[in-house]
Amino acid sequence: VSNETKNLGASCILYPHVMEKVYERIGENFYILPS
């Protein structure tokens, strides 16, 4: 998960509904690794 520029994209986890979209894609709860 990042942004289109691949620069400072970790903040995408704060965007509205992004975590929900990730959940819908993988179908279960998940761990987030701060790369």
Full PDB file with SEQRES, HELIX, SHEET, SSBOND, CRYST1, ORIGX, SCALE, CONECT and MASTER records, all heavy atoms in Angstrom:
SEQRES   1 A   35  VAL SER ASN GLU THR LYS ASN LEU GLY ALA SER CYS ILE          
SEQRES   2 A   35  LEU TYR PRO HIS VAL MET GLU LYS VAL TYR GLU ARG ILE          
SEQRES   3 A   35  GLY GLU ASN PHE TYR ILE LEU PRO SER                          
HELIX    1 AA1 GLY A    9  LEU A   14  5                                   6    
HELIX    2 AA2 VAL A   18  ILE A   26  1                                   9    
CRYST1    1.000    1.000    1.000  90.00  90.00  90.00 P 1           1          
ORIGX1      1.000000  0.000000  0.000000        0.00000                         
ORIGX2      0.000000  1.000000  0.000000        0.00000                         
ORIGX3      0.000000  0.000000  1.000000        0.00000                         
SCALE1      1.000000  0.000000  0.000000        0.00000                         
SCALE2      0.000000  1.000000  0.000000        0.00000                         
SCALE3      0.000000  0.000000  1.000000        0.00000                         
ATOM      1  N   VAL A   1       0.857  -1.183   0.000  1.00  0.00           N  
ATOM      2  CA  VAL A   1       0.000   0.000   0.000  1.00  0.00           C  
ATOM      3  C   VAL A   1       0.893   1.232   0.000  1.00  0.00           C  
ATOM      4  O   VAL A   1       1.748   1.396   0.872  1.00  0.00           O  
ATOM      5  CB  VAL A   1      -0.928   0.017   1.235  1.00  0.00           C  
ATOM      6  CG1 VAL A   1      -1.787   1.276   1.236  1.00  0.00           C  
ATOM      7  CG2 VAL A   1      -1.803  -1.231   1.268  1.00  0.00           C  
ATOM      8  N   SER A   2       0.703   2.076  -0.998  1.00  0.00           N  
ATOM      9  CA  SER A   2       1.478   3.314  -1.103  1.00  0.00           C  
ATOM     10  C   SER A   2       0.643   4.310  -1.897  1.00  0.00           C  
ATOM     11  O   SER A   2      -0.561   4.119  -2.089  1.00  0.00           O  
ATOM     12  CB  SER A   2       2.829   3.051  -1.781  1.00  0.00           C  
ATOM     13  OG  SER A   2       3.641   4.212  -1.771  1.00  0.00           O  
ATOM     14  N   ASN A   3       1.280   5.390  -2.362  1.00  0.00           N  
ATOM     15  CA  ASN A   3       0.583   6.306  -3.259  1.00  0.00           C  
ATOM     16  C   ASN A   3       1.175   6.202  -4.659  1.00  0.00           C  
ATOM     17  O   ASN A   3       2.170   5.491  -4.872  1.00  0.00           O  
ATOM     18  CB  ASN A   3       0.615   7.748  -2.727  1.00  0.00           C  
ATOM     19  CG  ASN A   3       2.031   8.280  -2.557  1.00  0.00           C  
ATOM     20  OD1 ASN A   3       2.933   7.965  -3.326  1.00  0.00           O  
ATOM     21  ND2 ASN A   3       2.238   9.096  -1.537  1.00  0.00           N  
ATOM     22  N   GLU A   4       0.598   6.901  -5.603  1.00  0.00           N  
ATOM     23  CA  GLU A   4       1.017   6.752  -6.993  1.00  0.00           C  
ATOM     24  C   GLU A   4       2.447   7.225  -7.237  1.00  0.00           C  
ATOM     25  O   GLU A   4       3.113   6.758  -8.159  1.00  0.00           O  
ATOM     26  CB  GLU A   4       0.051   7.503  -7.917  1.00  0.00           C  
ATOM     27  CG  GLU A   4      -1.302   6.827  -8.054  1.00  0.00           C  
ATOM     28  CD  GLU A   4      -2.195   7.487  -9.080  1.00  0.00           C  
ATOM     29  OE1 GLU A   4      -1.827   8.577  -9.577  1.00  0.00           O  
ATOM     30  OE2 GLU A   4      -3.263   6.926  -9.385  1.00  0.00           O  
ATOM     31  N   THR A   5       2.933   8.149  -6.419  1.00  0.00           N  
ATOM     32  CA  THR A   5       4.297   8.638  -6.597  1.00  0.00           C  
ATOM     33  C   THR A   5       5.324   7.753  -5.898  1.00  0.00           C  
ATOM     34  O   THR A   5       6.524   7.932  -6.093  1.00  0.00           O  
ATOM     35  CB  THR A   5       4.451  10.071  -6.056  1.00  0.00           C  
ATOM     36  OG1 THR A   5       4.327  10.056  -4.630  1.00  0.00           O  
ATOM     37  CG2 THR A   5       3.405  10.996  -6.648  1.00  0.00           C  
ATOM     38  N   LYS A   6       4.867   6.839  -5.050  1.00  0.00           N  
ATOM     39  CA  LYS A   6       5.755   5.983  -4.250  1.00  0.00           C  
ATOM     40  C   LYS A   6       6.617   6.805  -3.306  1.00  0.00           C  
ATOM     41  O   LYS A   6       7.698   6.371  -2.891  1.00  0.00           O  
ATOM     42  CB  LYS A   6       6.636   5.101  -5.146  1.00  0.00           C  
ATOM     43  CG  LYS A   6       5.864   4.223  -6.134  1.00  0.00           C  
ATOM     44  CD  LYS A   6       6.810   3.407  -6.977  1.00  0.00           C  
ATOM     45  CE  LYS A   6       6.054   2.540  -7.976  1.00  0.00           C  
ATOM     46  NZ  LYS A   6       5.377   3.370  -9.012  1.00  0.00           N  
ATOM     47  N   ASN A   7       6.145   7.966  -2.948  1.00  0.00           N  
ATOM     48  CA  ASN A   7       6.891   8.872  -2.076  1.00  0.00           C  
ATOM     49  C   ASN A   7       6.015   9.255  -0.882  1.00  0.00           C  
ATOM     50  O   ASN A   7       4.931   9.810  -1.064  1.00  0.00           O  
ATOM     51  CB  ASN A   7       7.316  10.125  -2.856  1.00  0.00           C  
ATOM     52  CG  ASN A   7       8.238  11.017  -2.068  1.00  0.00           C  
ATOM     53  OD1 ASN A   7       9.225  10.553  -1.490  1.00  0.00           O  
ATOM     54  ND2 ASN A   7       7.934  12.299  -2.021  1.00  0.00           N  
ATOM     55  N   LEU A   8       6.483   8.945   0.337  1.00  0.00           N  
ATOM     56  CA  LEU A   8       5.741   9.256   1.566  1.00  0.00           C  
ATOM     57  C   LEU A   8       4.347   8.624   1.558  1.00  0.00           C  
ATOM     58  O   LEU A   8       3.376   9.201   2.048  1.00  0.00           O  
ATOM     59  CB  LEU A   8       5.650  10.772   1.772  1.00  0.00           C  
ATOM     60  CG  LEU A   8       6.992  11.511   1.820  1.00  0.00           C  
ATOM     61  CD1 LEU A   8       6.768  13.023   1.924  1.00  0.00           C  
ATOM     62  CD2 LEU A   8       7.852  11.012   2.961  1.00  0.00           C  
ATOM     63  N   GLY A   9       4.278   7.416   1.022  1.00  0.00           N  
ATOM     64  CA  GLY A   9       2.982   6.772   0.823  1.00  0.00           C  
ATOM     65  C   GLY A   9       2.453   5.963   1.994  1.00  0.00           C  
ATOM     66  O   GLY A   9       1.328   5.456   1.927  1.00  0.00           O  
ATOM     67  N   ALA A  10       3.221   5.834   3.084  1.00  0.00           N  
ATOM     68  CA  ALA A  10       2.714   5.083   4.235  1.00  0.00           C  
ATOM     69  C   ALA A  10       1.479   5.739   4.831  1.00  0.00           C  
ATOM     70  O   ALA A  10       0.639   5.071   5.449  1.00  0.00           O  
ATOM     71  CB  ALA A  10       3.806   4.954   5.302  1.00  0.00           C  
ATOM     72  N   SER A  11       1.337   7.037   4.628  1.00  0.00           N  
ATOM     73  CA  SER A  11       0.178   7.763   5.170  1.00  0.00           C  
ATOM     74  C   SER A  11      -1.130   7.323   4.531  1.00  0.00           C  
ATOM     75  O   SER A  11      -2.208   7.695   5.012  1.00  0.00           O  
ATOM     76  CB  SER A  11       0.358   9.274   4.996  1.00  0.00           C  
ATOM     77  OG  SER A  11       0.498   9.615   3.630  1.00  0.00           O  
ATOM     78  N   CYS A  12      -1.068   6.527   3.466  1.00  0.00           N  
ATOM     79  CA  CYS A  12      -2.300   6.033   2.830  1.00  0.00           C  
ATOM     80  C   CYS A  12      -3.144   5.201   3.794  1.00  0.00           C  
ATOM     81  O   CYS A  12      -4.356   5.067   3.590  1.00  0.00           O  
ATOM     82  CB  CYS A  12      -1.969   5.204   1.593  1.00  0.00           C  
ATOM     83  SG  CYS A  12      -1.401   6.185   0.182  1.00  0.00           S  
ATOM     84  N   ILE A  13      -2.545   4.645   4.840  1.00  0.00           N  
ATOM     85  CA  ILE A  13      -3.343   3.862   5.791  1.00  0.00           C  
ATOM     86  C   ILE A  13      -4.340   4.743   6.532  1.00  0.00           C  
ATOM     87  O   ILE A  13      -5.292   4.232   7.131  1.00  0.00           O  
ATOM     88  CB  ILE A  13      -2.464   3.099   6.798  1.00  0.00           C  
ATOM     89  CG1 ILE A  13      -1.703   4.056   7.721  1.00  0.00           C  
ATOM     90  CG2 ILE A  13      -1.508   2.153   6.082  1.00  0.00           C  
ATOM     91  CD1 ILE A  13      -0.954   3.357   8.841  1.00  0.00           C  
ATOM     92  N   LEU A  14      -4.158   6.064   6.471  1.00  0.00           N  
ATOM     93  CA  LEU A  14      -5.086   6.999   7.101  1.00  0.00           C  
ATOM     94  C   LEU A  14      -6.223   7.416   6.184  1.00  0.00           C  
ATOM     95  O   LEU A  14      -7.226   7.959   6.644  1.00  0.00           O  
ATOM     96  CB  LEU A  14      -4.342   8.265   7.553  1.00  0.00           C  
ATOM     97  CG  LEU A  14      -3.256   8.101   8.605  1.00  0.00           C  
ATOM     98  CD1 LEU A  14      -2.521   9.421   8.796  1.00  0.00           C  
ATOM     99  CD2 LEU A  14      -3.843   7.640   9.914  1.00  0.00           C  
ATOM    100  N   TYR A  15      -6.078   7.188   4.887  1.00  0.00           N  
ATOM    101  CA  TYR A  15      -7.090   7.655   3.948  1.00  0.00           C  
ATOM    102  C   TYR A  15      -8.434   6.993   4.250  1.00  0.00           C  
ATOM    103  O   TYR A  15      -8.480   5.798   4.591  1.00  0.00           O  
ATOM    104  CB  TYR A  15      -6.702   7.303   2.513  1.00  0.00           C  
ATOM    105  CG  TYR A  15      -5.538   8.066   1.918  1.00  0.00           C  
ATOM    106  CD1 TYR A  15      -4.734   8.906   2.682  1.00  0.00           C  
ATOM    107  CD2 TYR A  15      -5.232   7.933   0.567  1.00  0.00           C  
ATOM    108  CE1 TYR A  15      -3.666   9.580   2.118  1.00  0.00           C  
ATOM    109  CE2 TYR A  15      -4.171   8.608  -0.013  1.00  0.00           C  
ATOM    110  CZ  TYR A  15      -3.396   9.426   0.763  1.00  0.00           C  
ATOM    111  OH  TYR A  15      -2.336  10.099   0.199  1.00  0.00           O  
ATOM    112  N   PRO A  16      -9.516   7.720   4.084  1.00  0.00           N  
ATOM    113  CA  PRO A  16     -10.833   7.134   4.301  1.00  0.00           C  
ATOM    114  C   PRO A  16     -11.061   5.895   3.431  1.00  0.00           C  
ATOM    115  O   PRO A  16     -10.791   5.917   2.226  1.00  0.00           O  
ATOM    116  CB  PRO A  16     -11.793   8.270   3.914  1.00  0.00           C  
ATOM    117  CG  PRO A  16     -10.994   9.524   4.113  1.00  0.00           C  
ATOM    118  CD  PRO A  16      -9.579   9.160   3.734  1.00  0.00           C  
ATOM    119  N   HIS A  17     -11.506   4.825   4.056  1.00  0.00           N  
ATOM    120  CA  HIS A  17     -11.944   3.586   3.391  1.00  0.00           C  
ATOM    121  C   HIS A  17     -10.817   2.744   2.792  1.00  0.00           C  
ATOM    122  O   HIS A  17     -11.097   1.668   2.239  1.00  0.00           O  
ATOM    123  CB  HIS A  17     -12.965   3.899   2.273  1.00  0.00           C  
ATOM    124  CG  HIS A  17     -14.077   4.793   2.707  1.00  0.00           C  
ATOM    125  ND1 HIS A  17     -14.910   4.485   3.756  1.00  0.00           N  
ATOM    126  CD2 HIS A  17     -14.482   6.022   2.245  1.00  0.00           C  
ATOM    127  CE1 HIS A  17     -15.793   5.464   3.918  1.00  0.00           C  
ATOM    128  NE2 HIS A  17     -15.545   6.401   3.028  1.00  0.00           N  
ATOM    129  N   VAL A  18      -9.553   3.177   2.884  1.00  0.00           N  
ATOM    130  CA  VAL A  18      -8.473   2.392   2.281  1.00  0.00           C  
ATOM    131  C   VAL A  18      -8.317   1.041   2.975  1.00  0.00           C  
ATOM    132  O   VAL A  18      -8.194  -0.004   2.315  1.00  0.00           O  
ATOM    133  CB  VAL A  18      -7.134   3.168   2.291  1.00  0.00           C  
ATOM    134  CG1 VAL A  18      -5.948   2.217   2.054  1.00  0.00           C  
ATOM    135  CG2 VAL A  18      -7.145   4.244   1.224  1.00  0.00           C  
ATOM    136  N   MET A  19      -8.339   1.025   4.301  1.00  0.00           N  
ATOM    137  CA  MET A  19      -8.203  -0.246   5.002  1.00  0.00           C  
ATOM    138  C   MET A  19      -9.390  -1.170   4.698  1.00  0.00           C  
ATOM    139  O   MET A  19      -9.230  -2.390   4.611  1.00  0.00           O  
ATOM    140  CB  MET A  19      -8.082   0.001   6.510  1.00  0.00           C  
ATOM    141  CG  MET A  19      -6.805   0.712   6.925  1.00  0.00           C  
ATOM    142  SD  MET A  19      -5.257  -0.231   6.646  1.00  0.00           S  
ATOM    143  CE  MET A  19      -4.761   0.309   4.999  1.00  0.00           C  
ATOM    144  N   GLU A  20     -10.577  -0.577   4.509  1.00  0.00           N  
ATOM    145  CA  GLU A  20     -11.738  -1.383   4.134  1.00  0.00           C  
ATOM    146  C   GLU A  20     -11.531  -2.009   2.757  1.00  0.00           C  
ATOM    147  O   GLU A  20     -11.901  -3.170   2.527  1.00  0.00           O  
ATOM    148  CB  GLU A  20     -12.988  -0.509   4.120  1.00  0.00           C  
ATOM    149  CG  GLU A  20     -13.386   0.044   5.486  1.00  0.00           C  
ATOM    150  CD  GLU A  20     -14.513   1.044   5.378  1.00  0.00           C  
ATOM    151  OE1 GLU A  20     -15.317   0.929   4.427  1.00  0.00           O  
ATOM    152  OE2 GLU A  20     -14.594   1.946   6.230  1.00  0.00           O  
ATOM    153  N   LYS A  21     -10.951  -1.244   1.837  1.00  0.00           N  
ATOM    154  CA  LYS A  21     -10.701  -1.768   0.494  1.00  0.00           C  
ATOM    155  C   LYS A  21      -9.697  -2.912   0.534  1.00  0.00           C  
ATOM    156  O   LYS A  21      -9.828  -3.904  -0.193  1.00  0.00           O  
ATOM    157  CB  LYS A  21     -10.200  -0.652  -0.412  1.00  0.00           C  
ATOM    158  CG  LYS A  21     -11.253   0.394  -0.755  1.00  0.00           C  
ATOM    159  CD  LYS A  21     -10.664   1.499  -1.617  1.00  0.00           C  
ATOM    160  CE  LYS A  21     -11.718   2.553  -1.934  1.00  0.00           C  
ATOM    161  NZ  LYS A  21     -11.163   3.685  -2.724  1.00  0.00           N  
ATOM    162  N   VAL A  22      -8.667  -2.765   1.379  1.00  0.00           N  
ATOM    163  CA  VAL A  22      -7.695  -3.849   1.519  1.00  0.00           C  
ATOM    164  C   VAL A  22      -8.393  -5.094   2.064  1.00  0.00           C  
ATOM    165  O   VAL A  22      -8.188  -6.210   1.570  1.00  0.00           O  
ATOM    166  CB  VAL A  22      -6.534  -3.430   2.438  1.00  0.00           C  
ATOM    167  CG1 VAL A  22      -5.597  -4.619   2.681  1.00  0.00           C  
ATOM    168  CG2 VAL A  22      -5.759  -2.255   1.840  1.00  0.00           C  
ATOM    169  N   TYR A  23      -9.238  -4.898   3.059  1.00  0.00           N  
ATOM    170  CA  TYR A  23      -9.972  -6.027   3.652  1.00  0.00           C  
ATOM    171  C   TYR A  23     -10.846  -6.713   2.599  1.00  0.00           C  
ATOM    172  O   TYR A  23     -10.878  -7.946   2.511  1.00  0.00           O  
ATOM    173  CB  TYR A  23     -10.835  -5.541   4.814  1.00  0.00           C  
ATOM    174  CG  TYR A  23     -11.712  -6.615   5.402  1.00  0.00           C  
ATOM    175  CD1 TYR A  23     -11.228  -7.482   6.376  1.00  0.00           C  
ATOM    176  CD2 TYR A  23     -13.039  -6.768   4.969  1.00  0.00           C  
ATOM    177  CE1 TYR A  23     -12.031  -8.486   6.899  1.00  0.00           C  
ATOM    178  CE2 TYR A  23     -13.849  -7.762   5.486  1.00  0.00           C  
ATOM    179  CZ  TYR A  23     -13.338  -8.620   6.453  1.00  0.00           C  
ATOM    180  OH  TYR A  23     -14.141  -9.623   6.968  1.00  0.00           O  
ATOM    181  N   GLU A  24     -11.547  -5.921   1.799  1.00  0.00           N  
ATOM    182  CA  GLU A  24     -12.412  -6.498   0.777  1.00  0.00           C  
ATOM    183  C   GLU A  24     -11.598  -7.285  -0.251  1.00  0.00           C  
ATOM    184  O   GLU A  24     -12.061  -8.306  -0.772  1.00  0.00           O  
ATOM    185  CB  GLU A  24     -13.189  -5.377   0.069  1.00  0.00           C  
ATOM    186  CG  GLU A  24     -14.256  -4.728   0.957  1.00  0.00           C  
ATOM    187  CD  GLU A  24     -14.857  -3.488   0.328  1.00  0.00           C  
ATOM    188  OE1 GLU A  24     -14.449  -3.152  -0.814  1.00  0.00           O  
ATOM    189  OE2 GLU A  24     -15.716  -2.855   0.967  1.00  0.00           O  
ATOM    190  N   ARG A  25     -10.399  -6.827  -0.511  1.00  0.00           N  
ATOM    191  CA  ARG A  25      -9.574  -7.492  -1.516  1.00  0.00           C  
ATOM    192  C   ARG A  25      -9.048  -8.829  -1.016  1.00  0.00           C  
ATOM    193  O   ARG A  25      -9.000  -9.808  -1.771  1.00  0.00           O  
ATOM    194  CB  ARG A  25      -8.409  -6.586  -1.917  1.00  0.00           C  
ATOM    195  CG  ARG A  25      -7.531  -7.182  -2.989  1.00  0.00           C  
ATOM    196  CD  ARG A  25      -6.734  -6.127  -3.696  1.00  0.00           C  
ATOM    197  NE  ARG A  25      -5.922  -6.696  -4.747  1.00  0.00           N  
ATOM    198  CZ  ARG A  25      -5.145  -5.998  -5.545  1.00  0.00           C  
ATOM    199  NH1 ARG A  25      -5.090  -4.685  -5.432  1.00  0.00           N  
ATOM    200  NH2 ARG A  25      -4.420  -6.590  -6.476  1.00  0.00           N  
ATOM    201  N   ILE A  26      -8.640  -8.888   0.276  1.00  0.00           N  
ATOM    202  CA  ILE A  26      -8.040 -10.127   0.768  1.00  0.00           C  
ATOM    203  C   ILE A  26      -9.018 -10.974   1.581  1.00  0.00           C  
ATOM    204  O   ILE A  26      -8.763 -12.141   1.832  1.00  0.00           O  
ATOM    205  CB  ILE A  26      -6.770  -9.844   1.592  1.00  0.00           C  
ATOM    206  CG1 ILE A  26      -7.102  -9.078   2.874  1.00  0.00           C  
ATOM    207  CG2 ILE A  26      -5.757  -9.079   0.768  1.00  0.00           C  
ATOM    208  CD1 ILE A  26      -5.887  -8.794   3.725  1.00  0.00           C  
ATOM    209  N   GLY A  27     -10.144 -10.369   2.003  1.00  0.00           N  
ATOM    210  CA  GLY A  27     -11.215 -11.132   2.622  1.00  0.00           C  
ATOM    211  C   GLY A  27     -11.028 -11.511   4.073  1.00  0.00           C  
ATOM    212  O   GLY A  27     -11.747 -12.388   4.577  1.00  0.00           O  
ATOM    213  N   GLU A  28     -10.089 -10.878   4.770  1.00  0.00           N  
ATOM    214  CA  GLU A  28      -9.896 -11.193   6.184  1.00  0.00           C  
ATOM    215  C   GLU A  28      -9.087 -10.087   6.853  1.00  0.00           C  
ATOM    216  O   GLU A  28      -8.548  -9.193   6.184  1.00  0.00           O  
ATOM    217  CB  GLU A  28      -9.185 -12.534   6.347  1.00  0.00           C  
ATOM    218  CG  GLU A  28      -7.798 -12.584   5.712  1.00  0.00           C  
ATOM    219  CD  GLU A  28      -7.110 -13.931   5.934  1.00  0.00           C  
ATOM    220  OE1 GLU A  28      -6.591 -14.125   7.053  1.00  0.00           O  
ATOM    221  OE2 GLU A  28      -7.101 -14.756   4.990  1.00  0.00           O  
ATOM    222  N   ASN A  29      -9.007 -10.138   8.183  1.00  0.00           N  
ATOM    223  CA  ASN A  29      -8.162  -9.202   8.915  1.00  0.00           C  
ATOM    224  C   ASN A  29      -6.703  -9.392   8.505  1.00  0.00           C  
ATOM    225  O   ASN A  29      -6.335 -10.447   7.961  1.00  0.00           O  
ATOM    226  CB  ASN A  29      -8.305  -9.408  10.424  1.00  0.00           C  
ATOM    227  CG  ASN A  29      -9.698  -9.029  10.921  1.00  0.00           C  
ATOM    228  OD1 ASN A  29     -10.465  -8.360  10.231  1.00  0.00           O  
ATOM    229  ND2 ASN A  29     -10.022  -9.461  12.132  1.00  0.00           N  
ATOM    230  N   PHE A  30      -5.891  -8.394   8.795  1.00  0.00           N  
ATOM    231  CA  PHE A  30      -4.519  -8.470   8.306  1.00  0.00           C  
ATOM    232  C   PHE A  30      -3.550  -7.710   9.209  1.00  0.00           C  
ATOM    233  O   PHE A  30      -3.945  -6.877  10.028  1.00  0.00           O  
ATOM    234  CB  PHE A  30      -4.431  -7.923   6.881  1.00  0.00           C  
ATOM    235  CG  PHE A  30      -5.049  -6.562   6.693  1.00  0.00           C  
ATOM    236  CD1 PHE A  30      -4.348  -5.393   6.975  1.00  0.00           C  
ATOM    237  CD2 PHE A  30      -6.352  -6.438   6.212  1.00  0.00           C  
ATOM    238  CE1 PHE A  30      -4.920  -4.150   6.793  1.00  0.00           C  
ATOM    239  CE2 PHE A  30      -6.939  -5.181   6.029  1.00  0.00           C  
ATOM    240  CZ  PHE A  30      -6.219  -4.041   6.317  1.00  0.00           C  
ATOM    241  N   TYR A  31      -2.276  -8.043   9.016  1.00  0.00           N  
ATOM    242  CA  TYR A  31      -1.194  -7.325   9.689  1.00  0.00           C  
ATOM    243  C   TYR A  31      -0.614  -6.288   8.723  1.00  0.00           C  
ATOM    244  O   TYR A  31      -0.575  -6.503   7.508  1.00  0.00           O  
ATOM    245  CB  TYR A  31      -0.101  -8.273  10.143  1.00  0.00           C  
ATOM    246  CG  TYR A  31      -0.491  -9.100  11.347  1.00  0.00           C  
ATOM    247  CD1 TYR A  31      -0.896 -10.430  11.194  1.00  0.00           C  
ATOM    248  CD2 TYR A  31      -0.457  -8.561  12.629  1.00  0.00           C  
ATOM    249  CE1 TYR A  31      -1.266 -11.196  12.292  1.00  0.00           C  
ATOM    250  CE2 TYR A  31      -0.826  -9.316  13.740  1.00  0.00           C  
ATOM    251  CZ  TYR A  31      -1.228 -10.622  13.555  1.00  0.00           C  
ATOM    252  OH  TYR A  31      -1.592 -11.367  14.647  1.00  0.00           O  
ATOM    253  N   ILE A  32      -0.168  -5.176   9.297  1.00  0.00           N  
ATOM    254  CA  ILE A  32       0.454  -4.098   8.524  1.00  0.00           C  
ATOM    255  C   ILE A  32       1.911  -4.003   8.944  1.00  0.00           C  
ATOM    256  O   ILE A  32       2.218  -3.798  10.123  1.00  0.00           O  
ATOM    257  CB  ILE A  32      -0.254  -2.764   8.777  1.00  0.00           C  
ATOM    258  CG1 ILE A  32      -1.725  -2.850   8.364  1.00  0.00           C  
ATOM    259  CG2 ILE A  32       0.448  -1.630   8.021  1.00  0.00           C  
ATOM    260  CD1 ILE A  32      -2.547  -1.662   8.819  1.00  0.00           C  
ATOM    261  N   LEU A  33       2.807  -4.163   7.983  1.00  0.00           N  
ATOM    262  CA  LEU A  33       4.239  -4.064   8.242  1.00  0.00           C  
ATOM    263  C   LEU A  33       4.733  -2.716   7.719  1.00  0.00           C  
ATOM    264  O   LEU A  33       4.602  -2.431   6.517  1.00  0.00           O  
ATOM    265  CB  LEU A  33       5.003  -5.197   7.554  1.00  0.00           C  
ATOM    266  CG  LEU A  33       4.983  -6.582   8.203  1.00  0.00           C  
ATOM    267  CD1 LEU A  33       3.567  -7.117   8.361  1.00  0.00           C  
ATOM    268  CD2 LEU A  33       5.838  -7.559   7.413  1.00  0.00           C  
ATOM    269  N   PRO A  34       5.273  -1.856   8.588  1.00  0.00           N  
ATOM    270  CA  PRO A  34       5.740  -0.536   8.160  1.00  0.00           C  
ATOM    271  C   PRO A  34       7.057  -0.649   7.400  1.00  0.00           C  
ATOM    272  O   PRO A  34       8.149  -0.551   7.975  1.00  0.00           O  
ATOM    273  CB  PRO A  34       5.908   0.218   9.484  1.00  0.00           C  
ATOM    274  CG  PRO A  34       6.213  -0.859  10.484  1.00  0.00           C  
ATOM    275  CD  PRO A  34       5.438  -2.069  10.038  1.00  0.00           C  
ATOM    276  N   SER A  35       6.971  -0.872   6.109  1.00  0.00           N  
ATOM    277  CA  SER A  35       8.160  -1.071   5.285  1.00  0.00           C  
ATOM    278  C   SER A  35       9.078   0.149   5.319  1.00  0.00           C  
ATOM    279  O   SER A  35      10.299   0.026   5.384  1.00  0.00           O  
ATOM    280  CB  SER A  35       7.733  -1.382   3.847  1.00  0.00           C  
ATOM    281  OG  SER A  35       8.839  -1.508   3.000  1.00  0.00           O  
TER     282      SER A  35                                                      
MASTER        0    0    0    2    0    0    0    6  281    1    0    3          
END                                                                             
